N, C-alpha and C. Protein backbone atom coordinates (compact mmCIF):
# COMPACT_ATOMS: atom_id res chain seq x y z
N MET A 1 229.34 70.88 241.20
CA MET A 1 228.68 69.70 241.92
C MET A 1 228.87 69.87 243.40
N ASP A 2 227.75 69.34 244.03
CA ASP A 2 227.83 69.65 245.59
C ASP A 2 227.49 68.18 246.07
N GLN A 3 228.01 68.01 247.23
CA GLN A 3 227.71 66.69 248.04
C GLN A 3 227.36 66.89 249.40
N PHE A 4 226.66 65.89 249.95
CA PHE A 4 226.41 66.02 251.28
C PHE A 4 226.73 64.72 252.08
N PHE A 5 227.59 64.94 252.86
CA PHE A 5 228.23 63.62 253.49
C PHE A 5 227.68 63.49 254.99
N GLN A 6 227.11 62.53 255.50
CA GLN A 6 226.63 62.30 256.84
C GLN A 6 227.43 61.25 257.48
N ASP A 7 228.45 61.50 258.37
CA ASP A 7 229.25 60.53 259.07
C ASP A 7 228.61 59.42 259.69
N ASN A 8 227.56 59.73 260.73
CA ASN A 8 226.83 58.72 261.41
C ASN A 8 225.55 58.39 260.70
N THR A 9 225.60 57.32 260.22
CA THR A 9 224.49 56.74 259.48
C THR A 9 223.60 55.77 260.27
N LYS A 10 223.82 55.62 261.53
CA LYS A 10 223.12 54.66 262.31
C LYS A 10 221.46 55.05 262.24
N LYS A 11 221.11 56.31 262.19
CA LYS A 11 219.80 56.73 261.95
C LYS A 11 219.53 57.23 260.68
N VAL A 12 219.79 56.67 259.75
CA VAL A 12 219.64 57.09 258.30
C VAL A 12 218.16 57.35 258.08
N SER A 13 217.40 56.48 258.60
CA SER A 13 215.94 56.64 258.33
C SER A 13 215.28 57.81 259.08
N ASP A 14 215.76 58.26 260.08
CA ASP A 14 215.40 59.37 260.80
C ASP A 14 215.88 60.62 260.19
N ILE A 15 216.98 60.70 259.42
CA ILE A 15 217.54 61.86 258.89
C ILE A 15 217.45 62.08 257.28
N PHE A 16 217.17 61.15 256.60
CA PHE A 16 217.24 61.09 255.22
C PHE A 16 216.52 62.44 254.64
N PHE A 17 215.32 62.51 255.01
CA PHE A 17 214.58 63.61 254.28
C PHE A 17 214.91 65.02 254.91
N ASP A 18 215.39 65.04 255.94
CA ASP A 18 216.02 66.50 256.55
C ASP A 18 217.21 66.87 255.82
N CYS A 19 218.04 65.65 255.51
CA CYS A 19 219.39 66.00 254.88
C CYS A 19 219.20 66.30 253.30
N LEU A 20 218.15 65.78 252.64
CA LEU A 20 217.77 65.98 251.41
C LEU A 20 217.23 67.33 251.37
N ASN A 21 216.42 67.63 252.08
CA ASN A 21 215.77 69.12 252.22
C ASN A 21 216.80 70.12 252.27
N LEU A 22 217.97 69.91 253.24
CA LEU A 22 218.98 70.76 253.36
C LEU A 22 219.83 70.87 252.17
N PHE A 23 220.09 69.91 251.44
CA PHE A 23 220.98 69.83 250.29
C PHE A 23 220.22 70.45 249.23
N LEU A 24 218.90 70.50 248.91
CA LEU A 24 218.18 70.98 248.04
C LEU A 24 218.15 72.42 248.34
N GLU A 25 217.85 72.86 249.50
CA GLU A 25 217.78 74.26 249.79
C GLU A 25 219.23 74.91 249.68
N ARG A 26 220.24 74.41 250.04
CA ARG A 26 221.67 74.75 249.90
C ARG A 26 222.05 75.22 248.47
N ASN A 27 221.35 74.46 247.57
CA ASN A 27 221.70 74.43 246.13
C ASN A 27 220.64 75.25 245.45
N HIS A 28 219.52 75.73 246.08
CA HIS A 28 218.42 76.45 245.53
C HIS A 28 217.83 75.71 244.32
N LEU A 29 217.61 74.45 244.60
CA LEU A 29 216.93 73.42 243.82
C LEU A 29 215.48 72.89 244.29
N GLN A 30 214.89 72.55 243.32
CA GLN A 30 213.57 71.68 243.70
C GLN A 30 213.72 70.26 243.30
N LEU A 31 213.17 69.33 244.02
CA LEU A 31 213.34 67.90 243.82
C LEU A 31 212.95 67.62 242.16
N ASN A 32 211.81 68.19 241.89
CA ASN A 32 211.39 67.87 240.34
C ASN A 32 212.37 68.41 239.32
N ALA A 33 213.62 69.33 239.69
CA ALA A 33 214.39 69.72 238.70
C ALA A 33 215.57 68.75 238.48
N LEU A 34 215.67 67.97 239.33
CA LEU A 34 216.67 66.77 239.25
C LEU A 34 216.40 65.83 238.19
N GLN A 35 217.37 65.56 237.28
CA GLN A 35 217.14 64.59 236.18
C GLN A 35 218.01 63.32 236.27
N ASP A 36 218.96 63.46 237.03
CA ASP A 36 219.96 62.21 237.25
C ASP A 36 220.27 61.74 238.65
N PHE A 37 220.08 60.50 239.08
CA PHE A 37 220.26 60.03 240.32
C PHE A 37 221.26 58.95 240.37
N TYR A 38 222.21 59.23 240.98
CA TYR A 38 223.62 58.27 241.07
C TYR A 38 223.34 57.47 242.46
N LEU A 39 223.35 56.16 242.30
CA LEU A 39 222.65 55.40 243.48
C LEU A 39 223.75 54.13 243.55
N THR A 40 224.26 53.90 244.80
CA THR A 40 224.97 52.91 245.13
C THR A 40 223.87 51.66 245.48
N THR A 41 224.08 50.47 245.17
CA THR A 41 223.09 49.52 245.36
C THR A 41 223.36 48.55 246.48
N GLY A 42 224.51 48.67 247.19
CA GLY A 42 224.95 47.79 248.16
C GLY A 42 226.02 46.80 247.74
N PRO A 43 226.63 45.99 248.65
CA PRO A 43 226.23 45.74 249.93
C PRO A 43 226.53 47.06 250.80
N GLY A 44 225.85 47.08 252.04
CA GLY A 44 225.97 48.11 252.98
C GLY A 44 224.97 47.98 254.14
N SER A 45 224.67 49.07 254.66
CA SER A 45 223.67 49.22 255.73
C SER A 45 222.28 48.71 255.12
N TYR A 46 221.64 47.67 255.73
CA TYR A 46 220.39 47.28 254.99
C TYR A 46 219.46 48.43 255.03
N THR A 47 219.19 49.12 256.01
CA THR A 47 218.37 50.24 256.04
C THR A 47 218.52 51.25 255.01
N GLY A 48 220.11 51.59 255.01
CA GLY A 48 220.49 52.71 254.10
C GLY A 48 220.37 52.23 252.65
N VAL A 49 220.54 50.99 252.25
CA VAL A 49 220.43 50.64 250.89
C VAL A 49 218.92 50.68 250.64
N ARG A 50 218.09 50.28 251.38
CA ARG A 50 216.65 50.07 251.24
C ARG A 50 215.97 51.50 251.10
N ILE A 51 216.47 52.41 251.97
CA ILE A 51 215.91 53.78 251.80
C ILE A 51 216.18 54.47 250.41
N GLY A 52 217.54 54.44 250.15
CA GLY A 52 218.09 54.92 248.85
C GLY A 52 217.26 54.45 247.83
N ILE A 53 217.12 53.04 247.52
CA ILE A 53 216.60 52.42 246.46
C ILE A 53 215.16 52.78 246.55
N SER A 54 214.44 52.72 247.61
CA SER A 54 213.11 53.11 247.68
C SER A 54 212.67 54.39 247.33
N PHE A 55 213.69 55.43 247.58
CA PHE A 55 213.36 56.82 247.25
C PHE A 55 213.52 57.14 245.77
N VAL A 56 214.60 56.39 245.10
CA VAL A 56 214.72 56.65 243.67
C VAL A 56 213.88 55.92 242.97
N LYS A 57 213.41 54.77 243.52
CA LYS A 57 212.23 53.95 242.64
C LYS A 57 210.95 54.86 242.68
N THR A 58 210.81 55.43 243.83
CA THR A 58 209.49 56.29 243.93
C THR A 58 209.54 57.37 242.85
N LEU A 59 210.75 57.93 242.86
CA LEU A 59 210.94 59.31 241.83
C LEU A 59 210.79 58.57 240.44
N LYS A 60 211.25 57.38 240.05
CA LYS A 60 211.23 56.97 238.82
C LYS A 60 209.85 56.44 238.40
N VAL A 61 209.18 56.18 239.25
CA VAL A 61 207.70 55.64 239.07
C VAL A 61 206.95 57.15 238.84
N LEU A 62 207.19 58.08 239.61
CA LEU A 62 206.47 59.48 239.39
C LEU A 62 206.96 60.01 238.06
N ASN A 63 208.28 59.85 237.77
CA ASN A 63 208.76 60.55 236.69
C ASN A 63 209.59 59.66 236.01
N PRO A 64 209.16 58.78 235.03
CA PRO A 64 209.95 57.76 234.02
C PRO A 64 210.90 58.42 233.38
N GLN A 65 210.99 59.63 233.03
CA GLN A 65 212.12 60.36 232.28
C GLN A 65 213.45 60.54 233.08
N ILE A 66 213.38 60.48 234.47
CA ILE A 66 214.72 60.70 235.09
C ILE A 66 215.60 59.46 234.80
N ASN A 67 216.82 59.91 234.87
CA ASN A 67 217.76 58.82 234.59
C ASN A 67 218.29 58.31 236.16
N VAL A 68 218.33 56.88 236.17
CA VAL A 68 218.87 56.22 237.44
C VAL A 68 220.20 55.54 236.92
N LEU A 69 221.34 55.96 237.54
CA LEU A 69 222.58 55.21 237.39
C LEU A 69 223.09 54.55 238.68
N THR A 70 223.38 53.42 238.53
CA THR A 70 223.84 52.71 239.66
C THR A 70 225.26 51.97 239.61
N ILE A 71 225.76 51.71 240.78
CA ILE A 71 227.15 51.15 240.99
C ILE A 71 227.04 50.28 242.13
N ASP A 72 227.70 49.22 242.15
CA ASP A 72 227.83 48.51 243.34
C ASP A 72 228.68 49.26 244.53
N THR A 73 228.55 49.35 245.59
CA THR A 73 228.99 50.09 246.71
C THR A 73 230.49 49.91 246.84
N LEU A 74 230.96 48.49 246.84
CA LEU A 74 232.37 48.14 246.92
C LEU A 74 233.10 48.78 245.77
N LYS A 75 232.55 48.60 244.51
CA LYS A 75 233.15 49.18 243.19
C LYS A 75 233.35 50.59 243.36
N PHE A 76 232.16 51.13 243.81
CA PHE A 76 232.36 52.67 244.03
C PHE A 76 233.29 53.09 244.92
N GLN A 77 233.39 52.62 246.05
CA GLN A 77 234.63 52.82 247.03
C GLN A 77 236.02 52.58 246.38
N ALA A 78 236.07 51.44 245.69
CA ALA A 78 237.38 51.23 245.10
C ALA A 78 237.91 52.16 243.95
N GLY A 79 236.90 52.41 243.02
CA GLY A 79 237.18 53.47 242.04
C GLY A 79 238.27 52.62 241.17
N ASP A 80 239.33 53.54 240.53
CA ASP A 80 240.47 52.96 239.63
C ASP A 80 241.64 52.54 240.51
N GLY A 81 242.40 51.78 239.90
CA GLY A 81 243.61 51.33 240.45
C GLY A 81 243.34 49.73 240.87
N THR A 82 244.26 49.35 241.74
CA THR A 82 244.13 48.01 242.26
C THR A 82 243.85 48.10 243.74
N LYS A 83 242.70 47.60 244.14
CA LYS A 83 242.13 47.86 245.62
C LYS A 83 241.39 46.67 246.07
N ILE A 84 241.55 46.49 247.33
CA ILE A 84 240.74 45.74 248.19
C ILE A 84 239.83 46.49 248.92
N SER A 85 238.57 46.34 248.55
CA SER A 85 237.44 47.53 249.12
C SER A 85 236.83 46.59 250.34
N LEU A 86 236.74 47.35 251.44
CA LEU A 86 236.18 46.90 252.53
C LEU A 86 235.11 47.87 253.12
N LEU A 87 234.23 47.33 253.59
CA LEU A 87 233.00 48.17 254.15
C LEU A 87 232.50 47.39 255.45
N ASN A 88 232.37 48.16 256.60
CA ASN A 88 232.14 47.65 257.89
C ASN A 88 230.66 46.97 257.78
N ALA A 89 230.54 45.74 258.01
CA ALA A 89 229.20 45.10 258.23
C ALA A 89 228.68 44.85 259.59
N ARG A 90 229.50 45.46 260.21
CA ARG A 90 229.20 45.39 261.97
C ARG A 90 229.43 43.98 262.39
N SER A 91 229.61 43.66 263.62
CA SER A 91 229.74 42.44 264.35
C SER A 91 231.07 41.80 263.84
N GLY A 92 231.89 42.74 263.83
CA GLY A 92 233.33 42.17 263.42
C GLY A 92 233.64 41.81 262.11
N LYS A 93 232.77 42.25 261.17
CA LYS A 93 232.72 41.62 259.70
C LYS A 93 232.93 42.74 258.84
N TYR A 94 233.29 42.33 257.41
CA TYR A 94 233.45 43.34 256.40
C TYR A 94 232.75 42.75 255.18
N TYR A 95 232.09 43.56 254.35
CA TYR A 95 231.84 43.19 252.97
C TYR A 95 233.20 43.69 252.36
N ALA A 96 233.58 42.69 251.40
CA ALA A 96 234.89 42.79 250.77
C ALA A 96 234.89 42.45 249.34
N ALA A 97 235.58 42.91 248.48
CA ALA A 97 235.74 42.60 247.20
C ALA A 97 236.93 43.04 246.50
N VAL A 98 237.60 42.48 245.78
CA VAL A 98 238.87 42.89 244.93
C VAL A 98 238.78 43.47 243.64
N PHE A 99 239.35 44.79 243.35
CA PHE A 99 239.20 45.22 242.10
C PHE A 99 240.24 45.62 241.43
N ASN A 100 240.47 45.48 240.12
CA ASN A 100 241.79 45.74 239.27
C ASN A 100 241.35 46.62 237.99
N HIS A 101 241.45 47.90 238.41
CA HIS A 101 241.09 48.97 237.33
C HIS A 101 239.56 48.77 236.91
N PHE A 102 238.76 48.85 237.95
CA PHE A 102 237.15 48.69 237.79
C PHE A 102 236.74 47.21 237.43
N LYS A 103 237.64 46.40 237.20
CA LYS A 103 237.11 44.91 236.99
C LYS A 103 237.24 44.11 238.32
N MET A 104 236.03 43.50 238.78
CA MET A 104 236.16 42.79 239.82
C MET A 104 236.90 41.50 239.81
N GLU A 105 238.05 41.43 240.50
CA GLU A 105 238.96 40.24 240.65
C GLU A 105 238.38 39.05 241.62
N GLN A 106 237.90 39.45 242.68
CA GLN A 106 237.30 38.53 243.50
C GLN A 106 236.12 38.97 243.97
N ALA A 107 234.91 38.22 244.00
CA ALA A 107 233.54 38.44 244.25
C ALA A 107 233.43 38.88 245.68
N ILE A 108 232.30 39.66 245.87
CA ILE A 108 231.92 40.22 247.06
C ILE A 108 231.85 39.07 247.97
N GLN A 109 232.04 39.31 249.19
CA GLN A 109 231.85 38.12 250.28
C GLN A 109 231.82 38.95 251.59
N LEU A 110 231.35 38.23 252.55
CA LEU A 110 231.20 38.70 254.02
C LEU A 110 232.30 37.89 254.73
N ILE A 111 233.34 38.60 255.26
CA ILE A 111 234.44 38.08 255.87
C ILE A 111 234.68 38.80 257.26
N SER A 112 235.25 37.96 258.28
CA SER A 112 235.47 38.62 259.55
C SER A 112 236.75 39.47 259.43
N GLN A 113 237.04 40.28 260.39
CA GLN A 113 238.28 41.24 260.45
C GLN A 113 239.43 40.42 260.48
N ASP A 114 239.33 39.30 261.14
CA ASP A 114 240.63 38.58 261.19
C ASP A 114 240.93 37.81 260.00
N GLU A 115 240.03 37.39 259.16
CA GLU A 115 240.30 37.00 257.80
C GLU A 115 240.87 37.79 256.76
N VAL A 116 240.84 39.05 256.82
CA VAL A 116 241.31 40.04 255.68
C VAL A 116 242.70 39.67 255.36
N GLY A 117 243.72 39.58 256.27
CA GLY A 117 245.02 39.40 255.93
C GLY A 117 245.27 38.09 255.12
N VAL A 118 244.47 37.03 255.51
CA VAL A 118 244.61 35.68 254.99
C VAL A 118 243.84 35.65 253.71
N VAL A 119 242.63 36.07 253.60
CA VAL A 119 241.83 35.96 252.34
C VAL A 119 242.58 36.74 251.13
N PHE A 120 243.16 37.82 251.48
CA PHE A 120 243.80 38.76 250.55
C PHE A 120 245.21 38.78 250.46
N LYS A 121 245.75 37.86 251.08
CA LYS A 121 247.28 37.65 251.28
C LYS A 121 248.00 38.10 249.77
N GLU A 122 247.46 37.22 248.75
CA GLU A 122 248.33 37.24 247.54
C GLU A 122 247.92 38.74 246.94
N TYR A 123 246.89 39.47 247.37
CA TYR A 123 246.67 40.77 246.56
C TYR A 123 247.43 41.91 247.22
N LEU A 124 247.61 41.79 248.73
CA LEU A 124 248.43 42.50 249.45
C LEU A 124 249.84 42.34 249.06
N ALA A 125 250.38 41.09 248.64
CA ALA A 125 251.78 40.93 248.37
C ALA A 125 252.03 41.42 246.96
N GLN A 126 250.94 41.75 246.17
CA GLN A 126 251.07 42.46 244.75
C GLN A 126 250.80 43.74 244.90
N GLY A 127 250.84 44.43 246.20
CA GLY A 127 250.70 45.90 246.21
C GLY A 127 249.37 46.41 246.18
N TYR A 128 248.33 45.61 246.26
CA TYR A 128 246.93 46.17 246.13
C TYR A 128 246.79 47.09 247.46
N GLN A 129 246.11 48.23 247.13
CA GLN A 129 245.75 49.23 248.21
C GLN A 129 244.45 48.65 248.99
N THR A 130 244.46 48.78 250.23
CA THR A 130 243.19 48.51 251.15
C THR A 130 242.51 49.78 251.34
N VAL A 131 241.25 49.82 250.81
CA VAL A 131 240.38 50.97 251.23
C VAL A 131 239.09 50.44 252.08
N ILE A 132 238.92 51.19 253.24
CA ILE A 132 238.07 50.72 254.26
C ILE A 132 237.04 52.14 254.43
N ASP A 133 235.77 51.87 254.49
CA ASP A 133 234.78 52.56 255.04
C ASP A 133 234.87 54.07 254.41
N TYR A 134 235.18 54.27 253.19
CA TYR A 134 235.27 55.47 252.44
C TYR A 134 236.35 56.53 253.24
N THR A 135 237.22 56.09 253.84
CA THR A 135 238.26 56.75 254.54
C THR A 135 239.08 57.50 253.54
N ASN A 136 239.11 58.85 253.81
CA ASN A 136 240.01 59.77 252.85
C ASN A 136 239.53 59.93 251.29
N LEU A 137 238.17 59.68 251.12
CA LEU A 137 237.56 59.64 249.76
C LEU A 137 236.86 61.04 249.53
N ALA A 138 237.51 61.62 248.47
CA ALA A 138 236.94 62.82 248.08
C ALA A 138 235.70 62.38 247.00
N PHE A 139 234.37 62.45 247.73
CA PHE A 139 233.29 61.90 247.03
C PHE A 139 232.96 62.57 245.80
N ALA A 140 232.84 64.00 245.64
CA ALA A 140 232.61 64.51 244.43
C ALA A 140 233.54 64.20 243.22
N GLN A 141 234.86 64.26 243.62
CA GLN A 141 235.91 64.04 242.67
C GLN A 141 235.74 62.60 242.06
N HIS A 142 235.50 61.69 243.25
CA HIS A 142 235.39 60.29 242.79
C HIS A 142 234.42 59.94 241.95
N VAL A 143 233.21 60.58 242.13
CA VAL A 143 232.09 60.45 241.37
C VAL A 143 232.24 60.80 239.82
N LEU A 144 232.88 61.91 239.76
CA LEU A 144 233.39 62.49 238.38
C LEU A 144 234.32 61.44 237.89
N ASP A 145 235.17 61.06 238.57
CA ASP A 145 236.07 60.08 237.89
C ASP A 145 235.38 58.57 237.34
N LEU A 146 234.53 58.30 238.16
CA LEU A 146 233.68 57.08 237.87
C LEU A 146 232.80 57.31 236.62
N MET A 147 232.35 58.39 236.50
CA MET A 147 231.51 58.86 235.46
C MET A 147 232.45 59.04 234.10
N ASP A 148 233.44 59.52 234.32
CA ASP A 148 234.54 59.72 233.16
C ASP A 148 234.92 58.27 232.56
N HIS A 149 234.90 57.27 233.61
CA HIS A 149 235.28 56.07 233.13
C HIS A 149 233.89 55.04 232.82
N GLN A 150 232.85 55.63 232.79
CA GLN A 150 231.62 55.10 232.38
C GLN A 150 231.42 53.96 233.40
N GLN A 151 231.47 54.01 234.61
CA GLN A 151 231.31 52.84 235.59
C GLN A 151 229.97 52.68 236.10
N PHE A 152 228.97 53.76 235.87
CA PHE A 152 227.90 53.71 236.36
C PHE A 152 226.91 52.98 235.29
N CYS A 153 225.73 52.15 235.82
CA CYS A 153 225.00 51.41 234.68
C CYS A 153 223.64 52.20 234.80
N LEU A 154 223.14 52.63 233.54
CA LEU A 154 222.03 53.29 233.40
C LEU A 154 220.87 52.37 233.51
N ILE A 155 219.80 52.62 234.37
CA ILE A 155 218.70 51.78 234.69
C ILE A 155 217.62 52.31 233.93
N LYS A 156 216.92 51.50 233.11
CA LYS A 156 215.76 51.89 232.24
C LYS A 156 214.42 51.53 232.98
N GLN A 157 214.38 50.45 233.66
CA GLN A 157 213.21 50.11 234.24
C GLN A 157 213.23 50.12 235.72
N VAL A 158 211.98 50.42 236.34
CA VAL A 158 212.14 50.47 237.88
C VAL A 158 212.46 49.13 238.43
N VAL A 159 212.02 48.09 237.72
CA VAL A 159 212.20 46.83 238.49
C VAL A 159 213.51 46.23 238.28
N ASP A 160 214.48 46.96 237.81
CA ASP A 160 215.81 46.71 237.42
C ASP A 160 216.70 47.40 238.56
N ILE A 161 216.05 48.14 239.39
CA ILE A 161 216.86 48.79 240.44
C ILE A 161 216.76 47.90 241.59
N LYS A 162 217.78 47.12 241.91
CA LYS A 162 217.77 46.03 242.91
C LYS A 162 218.82 46.05 243.82
N PRO A 163 218.72 45.94 244.99
CA PRO A 163 219.63 46.05 246.07
C PRO A 163 220.47 44.76 246.05
N LYS A 164 221.72 44.99 246.59
CA LYS A 164 222.78 43.86 246.54
C LYS A 164 222.90 43.65 248.01
N TYR A 165 222.31 42.46 248.56
CA TYR A 165 222.41 42.26 249.99
C TYR A 165 223.13 41.00 250.29
N ILE A 166 224.17 41.06 251.00
CA ILE A 166 225.21 39.94 251.36
C ILE A 166 224.72 39.04 252.59
N LYS A 167 224.57 39.73 253.57
CA LYS A 167 224.07 39.18 254.93
C LYS A 167 222.72 38.28 254.87
N SER A 168 222.94 37.34 255.57
CA SER A 168 221.54 36.33 255.66
C SER A 168 220.88 36.97 256.93
N PHE A 169 219.75 37.33 256.96
CA PHE A 169 218.86 37.73 258.08
C PHE A 169 218.09 36.65 258.58
N LEU A 170 218.06 35.38 258.19
CA LEU A 170 217.18 34.46 258.78
C LEU A 170 217.96 33.67 259.62
């Protein structure tokens, strides 16, 4: 299993296809040889989520036989254990949710950085670990662990590949 991690995702729309081509070349693969696509559906960067979902939807339309497996971004980051999963939503806010061995205990919400200690006080007192912005996450092993625990959802229809947006853009 190989992985490609891009730390600066502010220009994801500009670099997506170059990174994909580099990944395919490095692994001596053609795009049409790939049969399984694992996808996080958000919340997260609006552009990043939109590009990932649009790309996989297009592939699924062109080849209905490919497997698309999805997972919520915060659940992906949390993995197993007792975790408070936080992703930077910019403007001093986080997307946040609480997980206990893959089960969501507190729903996804958008909170300010100042609210983290207050909103999750009871979980922190119980020893829940806080994970923020994929820090120290071994992606390849993490994906394998999530696969072993059957945490990805197999999507059969293109229309069922939906983003999870939290921020209001109006």
